[in-house]
Structures are given as structure tokens and as C-alpha cells.
């Protein structure tokens, strides 16, 4: 199974939050974890340079087990299509969430782990949204 880790889940795992760790453990060792380059940017942007240096080991260990999906023209095109679809329905979401949804669609990922369930409730590319 493939699972996508949203920025909020990455932060919780970096902070060793028990609820996040329990959800990841519950998914099991056969699950492969993914995130997007945009989520990596959001994670790094949120860390001050002092925090980043202090948490470098933990961050490296976390990311060693997560495949980072690069944003390419296929993902950009799909993100624009999803944007147009949701805009027409009057249900727009954050710009980064279109890229996340497109990244998942392009890679066959139907499960997302996040703290922000409402961000993804109108994105039909997910079969399951797990909150931690």
C-alpha cells in the first residue's frame, strides 16, 4: 500500500507525537510512504535555522523512509485540471493541495495522512484520509 504524508503529519512525526506514530505503525511495514517536494518545502520553511540544525538528525531519519515526489509537467497539468474542477464547483482549496492531489494521482496514492482533513475532503483522488 502507498500512503502520502502531508506536512502536518511530517511535523507530528518529527516532533514524535504519539498519535502520528501510532497511525504510521498501524499502517504497517508493507506501506510505502511518500510526500511531495512542496511538503518538504513547507516543512523546512517552518523550521528556523536553529531548529533545523538541532533537528537535522531526526529530519534525515524521517526522510530516509519517505519517497519525495518531484513536481513535473504531468503533475502541474493535473493540478491545474483539479483546480479548474473545484473552482467550477465553488470548492477551491489551498494551491499546495492541488499539487499534493496531483502528485498522489500521478503515483497511484489513494491514502493521505494529515491533520487537515477538511483540506482534502473535496479532492476525490483519495479513498481514505487518515487524521493523526
N, C-alpha and C. Protein backbone atom coordinates (compact mmCIF):
# COMPACT_ATOMS: atom_id res chain seq x y z
N UNK A 1 0.84 -1.17 0.00
CA UNK A 1 0.00 0.00 0.00
C UNK A 1 0.89 1.24 0.00
N UNK A 2 0.40 2.30 -0.64
CA UNK A 2 1.10 3.58 -0.65
C UNK A 2 0.31 4.57 0.19
N UNK A 3 1.03 5.38 0.96
CA UNK A 3 0.40 6.43 1.77
C UNK A 3 1.18 7.73 1.59
N UNK A 4 0.45 8.83 1.54
CA UNK A 4 1.05 10.15 1.39
C UNK A 4 1.04 10.84 2.74
N UNK A 5 2.18 11.42 3.12
CA UNK A 5 2.30 12.15 4.38
C UNK A 5 2.25 13.65 4.07
N UNK A 6 1.19 14.29 4.53
CA UNK A 6 1.05 15.73 4.38
C UNK A 6 2.02 16.41 5.36
N UNK A 7 2.22 17.70 5.16
CA UNK A 7 3.15 18.45 6.00
C UNK A 7 2.82 18.30 7.49
N UNK A 8 1.54 18.37 7.83
CA UNK A 8 1.16 18.27 9.24
C UNK A 8 1.55 16.92 9.83
N UNK A 9 1.44 15.86 9.05
CA UNK A 9 1.85 14.54 9.53
C UNK A 9 3.36 14.47 9.68
N UNK A 10 4.09 15.06 8.73
CA UNK A 10 5.55 15.08 8.82
C UNK A 10 6.00 15.83 10.08
N UNK A 11 5.36 16.95 10.36
CA UNK A 11 5.70 17.72 11.57
C UNK A 11 5.43 16.89 12.81
N UNK A 12 4.27 16.24 12.86
CA UNK A 12 3.94 15.42 14.03
C UNK A 12 4.94 14.28 14.20
N UNK A 13 5.37 13.67 13.11
CA UNK A 13 6.35 12.60 13.20
C UNK A 13 7.71 13.14 13.63
N UNK A 14 8.08 14.30 13.12
CA UNK A 14 9.33 14.92 13.52
C UNK A 14 9.33 15.26 15.00
N UNK A 15 8.17 15.68 15.50
CA UNK A 15 8.02 16.02 16.92
C UNK A 15 7.74 14.78 17.78
N UNK A 16 7.69 13.61 17.14
CA UNK A 16 7.45 12.34 17.83
C UNK A 16 6.12 12.31 18.56
N UNK A 17 5.10 12.87 17.94
CA UNK A 17 3.74 12.86 18.51
C UNK A 17 3.22 11.42 18.53
N UNK A 18 2.75 10.94 19.68
CA UNK A 18 2.29 9.56 19.79
C UNK A 18 1.15 9.21 18.82
N UNK A 19 0.20 10.10 18.61
CA UNK A 19 -0.92 9.77 17.72
C UNK A 19 -0.45 9.58 16.29
N UNK A 20 0.50 10.38 15.84
CA UNK A 20 1.04 10.23 14.49
C UNK A 20 1.83 8.92 14.37
N UNK A 21 2.67 8.66 15.36
CA UNK A 21 3.46 7.43 15.35
C UNK A 21 2.55 6.21 15.35
N UNK A 22 1.46 6.24 16.14
CA UNK A 22 0.52 5.13 16.19
C UNK A 22 -0.15 4.89 14.84
N UNK A 23 -0.53 5.96 14.15
CA UNK A 23 -1.16 5.81 12.83
C UNK A 23 -0.19 5.19 11.83
N UNK A 24 1.05 5.64 11.86
CA UNK A 24 2.06 5.10 10.94
C UNK A 24 2.31 3.62 11.26
N UNK A 25 2.43 3.30 12.54
CA UNK A 25 2.63 1.91 12.95
C UNK A 25 1.45 1.05 12.54
N UNK A 26 0.24 1.60 12.66
CA UNK A 26 -0.97 0.85 12.31
C UNK A 26 -1.02 0.52 10.81
N UNK A 27 -0.45 1.41 9.99
CA UNK A 27 -0.44 1.16 8.55
C UNK A 27 0.47 -0.01 8.19
N UNK A 28 1.45 -0.27 9.02
CA UNK A 28 2.26 -1.47 8.84
C UNK A 28 3.51 -1.28 8.01
N UNK A 29 4.37 -2.29 8.07
CA UNK A 29 5.67 -2.22 7.41
C UNK A 29 5.57 -2.39 5.89
N UNK A 30 4.46 -2.87 5.40
CA UNK A 30 4.31 -3.05 3.96
C UNK A 30 3.85 -1.77 3.25
N UNK A 31 3.59 -0.73 4.01
CA UNK A 31 3.19 0.55 3.43
C UNK A 31 4.43 1.34 3.04
N UNK A 32 4.40 1.90 1.84
CA UNK A 32 5.47 2.81 1.43
C UNK A 32 4.95 4.23 1.60
N UNK A 33 5.79 5.10 2.14
CA UNK A 33 5.38 6.46 2.45
C UNK A 33 5.99 7.44 1.46
N UNK A 34 5.16 8.42 1.09
CA UNK A 34 5.53 9.41 0.08
C UNK A 34 5.14 10.79 0.58
N UNK A 35 5.82 11.79 0.04
CA UNK A 35 5.43 13.17 0.22
C UNK A 35 5.87 13.91 -1.02
N UNK A 36 5.49 15.16 -1.13
CA UNK A 36 5.82 15.96 -2.30
C UNK A 36 6.95 16.94 -1.96
N UNK A 37 7.63 17.39 -2.99
CA UNK A 37 8.66 18.41 -2.80
C UNK A 37 8.05 19.66 -2.16
N UNK A 38 6.79 19.94 -2.45
CA UNK A 38 6.14 21.10 -1.84
C UNK A 38 5.95 20.90 -0.33
N UNK A 39 5.69 19.68 0.10
CA UNK A 39 5.58 19.40 1.53
C UNK A 39 6.93 19.53 2.21
N UNK A 40 7.98 19.10 1.53
CA UNK A 40 9.32 19.26 2.07
C UNK A 40 9.63 20.75 2.23
N UNK A 41 9.28 21.55 1.24
CA UNK A 41 9.47 23.00 1.34
C UNK A 41 8.71 23.56 2.54
N UNK A 42 7.45 23.17 2.69
CA UNK A 42 6.64 23.68 3.82
C UNK A 42 7.26 23.27 5.15
N UNK A 43 7.75 22.06 5.23
CA UNK A 43 8.38 21.57 6.46
C UNK A 43 9.64 22.37 6.78
N UNK A 44 10.50 22.53 5.80
CA UNK A 44 11.76 23.25 6.00
C UNK A 44 11.52 24.74 6.25
N UNK A 45 10.53 25.30 5.59
CA UNK A 45 10.18 26.71 5.78
C UNK A 45 9.76 26.97 7.22
N UNK A 46 9.09 26.01 7.82
CA UNK A 46 8.59 26.16 9.18
C UNK A 46 9.65 26.04 10.25
N UNK A 47 10.79 25.51 9.89
CA UNK A 47 11.88 25.36 10.87
C UNK A 47 12.81 26.56 10.76
N UNK A 48 13.11 27.17 11.88
CA UNK A 48 14.13 28.22 11.87
C UNK A 48 15.47 27.55 11.63
N UNK A 49 16.48 28.31 11.30
CA UNK A 49 17.80 27.72 11.05
C UNK A 49 18.34 27.03 12.29
N UNK A 50 18.04 27.56 13.47
CA UNK A 50 18.48 26.92 14.71
C UNK A 50 17.77 25.59 14.91
N UNK A 51 16.44 25.59 14.71
CA UNK A 51 15.68 24.34 14.84
C UNK A 51 16.13 23.32 13.81
N UNK A 52 16.35 23.78 12.59
CA UNK A 52 16.76 22.87 11.53
C UNK A 52 18.07 22.18 11.87
N UNK A 53 19.00 22.93 12.41
CA UNK A 53 20.29 22.35 12.79
C UNK A 53 20.12 21.37 13.95
N UNK A 54 19.29 21.73 14.93
CA UNK A 54 19.06 20.88 16.11
C UNK A 54 18.32 19.60 15.72
N UNK A 55 17.43 19.69 14.74
CA UNK A 55 16.59 18.55 14.36
C UNK A 55 17.09 17.84 13.11
N UNK A 56 18.28 18.19 12.64
CA UNK A 56 18.79 17.63 11.40
C UNK A 56 18.81 16.10 11.41
N UNK A 57 19.29 15.51 12.48
CA UNK A 57 19.34 14.05 12.56
C UNK A 57 17.97 13.42 12.49
N UNK A 58 17.02 13.98 13.24
CA UNK A 58 15.66 13.45 13.23
C UNK A 58 15.01 13.65 11.86
N UNK A 59 15.25 14.80 11.25
CA UNK A 59 14.70 15.07 9.93
C UNK A 59 15.27 14.12 8.89
N UNK A 60 16.58 13.91 8.93
CA UNK A 60 17.21 12.97 8.00
C UNK A 60 16.68 11.55 8.18
N UNK A 61 16.49 11.13 9.43
CA UNK A 61 15.96 9.80 9.70
C UNK A 61 14.53 9.65 9.19
N UNK A 62 13.73 10.68 9.40
CA UNK A 62 12.34 10.65 8.92
C UNK A 62 12.30 10.57 7.40
N UNK A 63 13.05 11.43 6.74
CA UNK A 63 13.01 11.49 5.28
C UNK A 63 13.66 10.28 4.61
N UNK A 64 14.50 9.56 5.35
CA UNK A 64 15.11 8.34 4.80
C UNK A 64 14.06 7.28 4.49
N UNK A 65 12.92 7.38 5.15
CA UNK A 65 11.85 6.40 4.96
C UNK A 65 10.68 6.93 4.15
N UNK A 66 10.87 8.06 3.49
CA UNK A 66 9.81 8.71 2.74
C UNK A 66 10.31 9.04 1.33
N UNK A 67 9.58 8.59 0.33
CA UNK A 67 9.93 8.94 -1.05
C UNK A 67 9.37 10.32 -1.36
N UNK A 68 10.22 11.21 -1.84
CA UNK A 68 9.79 12.57 -2.17
C UNK A 68 9.46 12.63 -3.66
N UNK A 69 8.24 13.03 -3.94
CA UNK A 69 7.76 13.12 -5.32
C UNK A 69 8.09 14.51 -5.87
N UNK A 70 8.85 14.54 -6.95
CA UNK A 70 9.17 15.81 -7.60
C UNK A 70 7.97 16.31 -8.39
N UNK A 71 7.89 17.61 -8.54
CA UNK A 71 6.81 18.23 -9.31
C UNK A 71 7.29 18.35 -10.75
N UNK A 72 6.56 17.71 -11.67
CA UNK A 72 6.91 17.78 -13.08
C UNK A 72 5.74 18.32 -13.88
N UNK A 73 5.86 18.34 -15.19
CA UNK A 73 4.80 18.91 -16.04
C UNK A 73 3.52 18.10 -15.97
N UNK A 74 3.60 16.79 -15.80
CA UNK A 74 2.40 15.96 -15.66
C UNK A 74 1.63 16.35 -14.40
N UNK A 75 2.34 16.52 -13.31
CA UNK A 75 1.71 16.89 -12.04
C UNK A 75 1.16 18.31 -12.12
N UNK A 76 1.90 19.22 -12.73
CA UNK A 76 1.41 20.60 -12.88
C UNK A 76 0.13 20.64 -13.70
N UNK A 77 0.08 19.87 -14.77
CA UNK A 77 -1.11 19.82 -15.63
C UNK A 77 -2.30 19.24 -14.88
N UNK A 78 -2.08 18.18 -14.14
CA UNK A 78 -3.16 17.56 -13.36
C UNK A 78 -3.62 18.50 -12.25
N UNK A 79 -2.70 19.20 -11.61
CA UNK A 79 -3.06 20.15 -10.56
C UNK A 79 -3.95 21.25 -11.13
N UNK A 80 -3.63 21.73 -12.31
CA UNK A 80 -4.44 22.76 -12.96
C UNK A 80 -5.83 22.23 -13.29
N UNK A 81 -5.92 20.97 -13.72
CA UNK A 81 -7.23 20.37 -14.02
C UNK A 81 -8.08 20.26 -12.75
N UNK A 82 -7.45 19.81 -11.67
CA UNK A 82 -8.17 19.69 -10.39
C UNK A 82 -8.62 21.08 -9.91
N UNK A 83 -7.75 22.06 -10.06
CA UNK A 83 -8.10 23.43 -9.70
C UNK A 83 -9.34 23.89 -10.46
N UNK A 84 -9.35 23.69 -11.76
CA UNK A 84 -10.48 24.13 -12.59
C UNK A 84 -11.76 23.41 -12.17
N UNK A 85 -11.66 22.13 -11.89
CA UNK A 85 -12.82 21.33 -11.48
C UNK A 85 -13.41 21.85 -10.16
N UNK A 86 -12.56 22.06 -9.17
CA UNK A 86 -13.05 22.51 -7.87
C UNK A 86 -13.50 23.97 -7.90
N UNK A 87 -12.84 24.78 -8.68
CA UNK A 87 -13.23 26.18 -8.81
C UNK A 87 -14.63 26.28 -9.43
N UNK A 88 -14.88 25.45 -10.44
CA UNK A 88 -16.19 25.44 -11.09
C UNK A 88 -17.29 25.00 -10.12
N UNK A 89 -16.94 24.16 -9.16
CA UNK A 89 -17.90 23.69 -8.16
C UNK A 89 -18.00 24.64 -6.97
N UNK A 90 -17.17 25.70 -6.97
CA UNK A 90 -17.16 26.64 -5.85
C UNK A 90 -16.53 26.06 -4.60
N UNK A 91 -15.60 25.12 -4.76
CA UNK A 91 -14.96 24.46 -3.62
C UNK A 91 -13.43 24.52 -3.72
N UNK A 92 -12.88 25.71 -3.89
CA UNK A 92 -11.43 25.80 -4.03
C UNK A 92 -10.70 25.43 -2.73
N UNK A 93 -9.46 25.00 -2.90
CA UNK A 93 -8.61 24.67 -1.75
C UNK A 93 -7.30 25.43 -1.89
N UNK A 94 -6.42 25.27 -0.94
CA UNK A 94 -5.10 25.88 -0.94
C UNK A 94 -4.32 25.42 -2.19
N UNK A 95 -3.56 26.32 -2.79
CA UNK A 95 -2.81 26.00 -4.01
C UNK A 95 -1.92 24.76 -3.84
N UNK A 96 -1.26 24.64 -2.71
CA UNK A 96 -0.38 23.48 -2.49
C UNK A 96 -1.16 22.17 -2.52
N UNK A 97 -2.42 22.21 -2.08
CA UNK A 97 -3.22 20.99 -2.02
C UNK A 97 -3.57 20.45 -3.41
N UNK A 98 -3.65 21.32 -4.40
CA UNK A 98 -3.85 20.84 -5.78
C UNK A 98 -2.63 20.06 -6.24
N UNK A 99 -1.45 20.56 -5.90
CA UNK A 99 -0.21 19.88 -6.28
C UNK A 99 -0.09 18.56 -5.54
N UNK A 100 -0.47 18.54 -4.27
CA UNK A 100 -0.45 17.31 -3.49
C UNK A 100 -1.38 16.27 -4.11
N UNK A 101 -2.61 16.69 -4.41
CA UNK A 101 -3.59 15.78 -5.01
C UNK A 101 -3.08 15.25 -6.35
N UNK A 102 -2.51 16.12 -7.17
CA UNK A 102 -1.99 15.70 -8.47
C UNK A 102 -0.80 14.75 -8.31
N UNK A 103 0.05 15.01 -7.33
CA UNK A 103 1.19 14.14 -7.06
C UNK A 103 0.71 12.74 -6.69
N UNK A 104 -0.32 12.69 -5.88
CA UNK A 104 -0.88 11.40 -5.47
C UNK A 104 -1.53 10.69 -6.66
N UNK A 105 -2.32 11.42 -7.43
CA UNK A 105 -3.00 10.82 -8.59
C UNK A 105 -1.98 10.25 -9.57
N UNK A 106 -0.91 10.99 -9.83
CA UNK A 106 0.11 10.55 -10.79
C UNK A 106 0.89 9.33 -10.31
N UNK A 107 0.88 9.09 -9.00
CA UNK A 107 1.66 7.99 -8.43
C UNK A 107 0.80 6.88 -7.82
N UNK A 108 -0.49 6.92 -8.09
CA UNK A 108 -1.38 5.85 -7.61
C UNK A 108 -1.53 5.80 -6.11
N UNK A 109 -1.45 6.94 -5.46
CA UNK A 109 -1.57 7.01 -3.99
C UNK A 109 -2.98 7.44 -3.66
N UNK A 110 -3.71 6.60 -2.93
CA UNK A 110 -5.12 6.86 -2.63
C UNK A 110 -5.39 7.13 -1.16
N UNK A 111 -4.32 7.17 -0.33
CA UNK A 111 -4.46 7.38 1.11
C UNK A 111 -3.55 8.53 1.53
N UNK A 112 -4.08 9.45 2.31
CA UNK A 112 -3.27 10.56 2.82
C UNK A 112 -3.39 10.63 4.33
N UNK A 113 -2.27 10.90 4.99
CA UNK A 113 -2.23 11.08 6.43
C UNK A 113 -1.99 12.57 6.68
N UNK A 114 -2.90 13.20 7.43
CA UNK A 114 -2.86 14.64 7.63
C UNK A 114 -3.56 15.03 8.91
N UNK A 115 -3.32 16.23 9.38
CA UNK A 115 -4.10 16.82 10.47
C UNK A 115 -5.26 17.63 9.90
N UNK A 116 -5.19 17.91 8.60
CA UNK A 116 -6.11 18.85 7.96
C UNK A 116 -7.08 18.14 7.02
N UNK A 117 -7.93 17.32 7.59
CA UNK A 117 -8.87 16.53 6.79
C UNK A 117 -9.72 17.41 5.87
N UNK A 118 -10.14 18.58 6.37
CA UNK A 118 -11.02 19.44 5.58
C UNK A 118 -10.33 19.95 4.32
N UNK A 119 -9.00 20.03 4.32
CA UNK A 119 -8.28 20.47 3.12
C UNK A 119 -8.45 19.49 1.97
N UNK A 120 -8.71 18.22 2.29
CA UNK A 120 -8.71 17.18 1.27
C UNK A 120 -10.08 16.54 1.05
N UNK A 121 -11.10 16.97 1.75
CA UNK A 121 -12.40 16.33 1.66
C UNK A 121 -13.05 16.48 0.29
N UNK A 122 -12.74 17.52 -0.46
CA UNK A 122 -13.32 17.72 -1.78
C UNK A 122 -12.43 17.19 -2.91
N UNK A 123 -11.32 16.62 -2.56
CA UNK A 123 -10.41 16.06 -3.56
C UNK A 123 -10.70 14.58 -3.70
N UNK A 124 -11.28 14.20 -4.81
CA UNK A 124 -11.79 12.84 -4.98
C UNK A 124 -10.73 11.81 -5.36
N UNK A 125 -9.47 12.23 -5.37
CA UNK A 125 -8.42 11.28 -5.71
C UNK A 125 -8.08 10.38 -4.52
N UNK A 126 -8.60 10.70 -3.33
CA UNK A 126 -8.28 9.91 -2.15
C UNK A 126 -9.43 8.99 -1.76
N UNK A 127 -9.12 7.73 -1.53
CA UNK A 127 -10.10 6.78 -0.99
C UNK A 127 -10.23 6.96 0.52
N UNK A 128 -9.12 7.37 1.15
CA UNK A 128 -9.11 7.44 2.60
C UNK A 128 -8.22 8.60 3.06
N UNK A 129 -8.74 9.39 4.01
CA UNK A 129 -7.97 10.45 4.63
C UNK A 129 -7.87 10.08 6.11
N UNK A 130 -6.66 9.86 6.58
CA UNK A 130 -6.41 9.48 7.98
C UNK A 130 -5.92 10.72 8.71
N UNK A 131 -6.54 11.02 9.83
CA UNK A 131 -6.06 12.13 10.64
C UNK A 131 -5.26 11.57 11.81
N UNK A 132 -4.20 12.30 12.14
CA UNK A 132 -3.35 11.85 13.25
C UNK A 132 -3.35 12.89 14.35
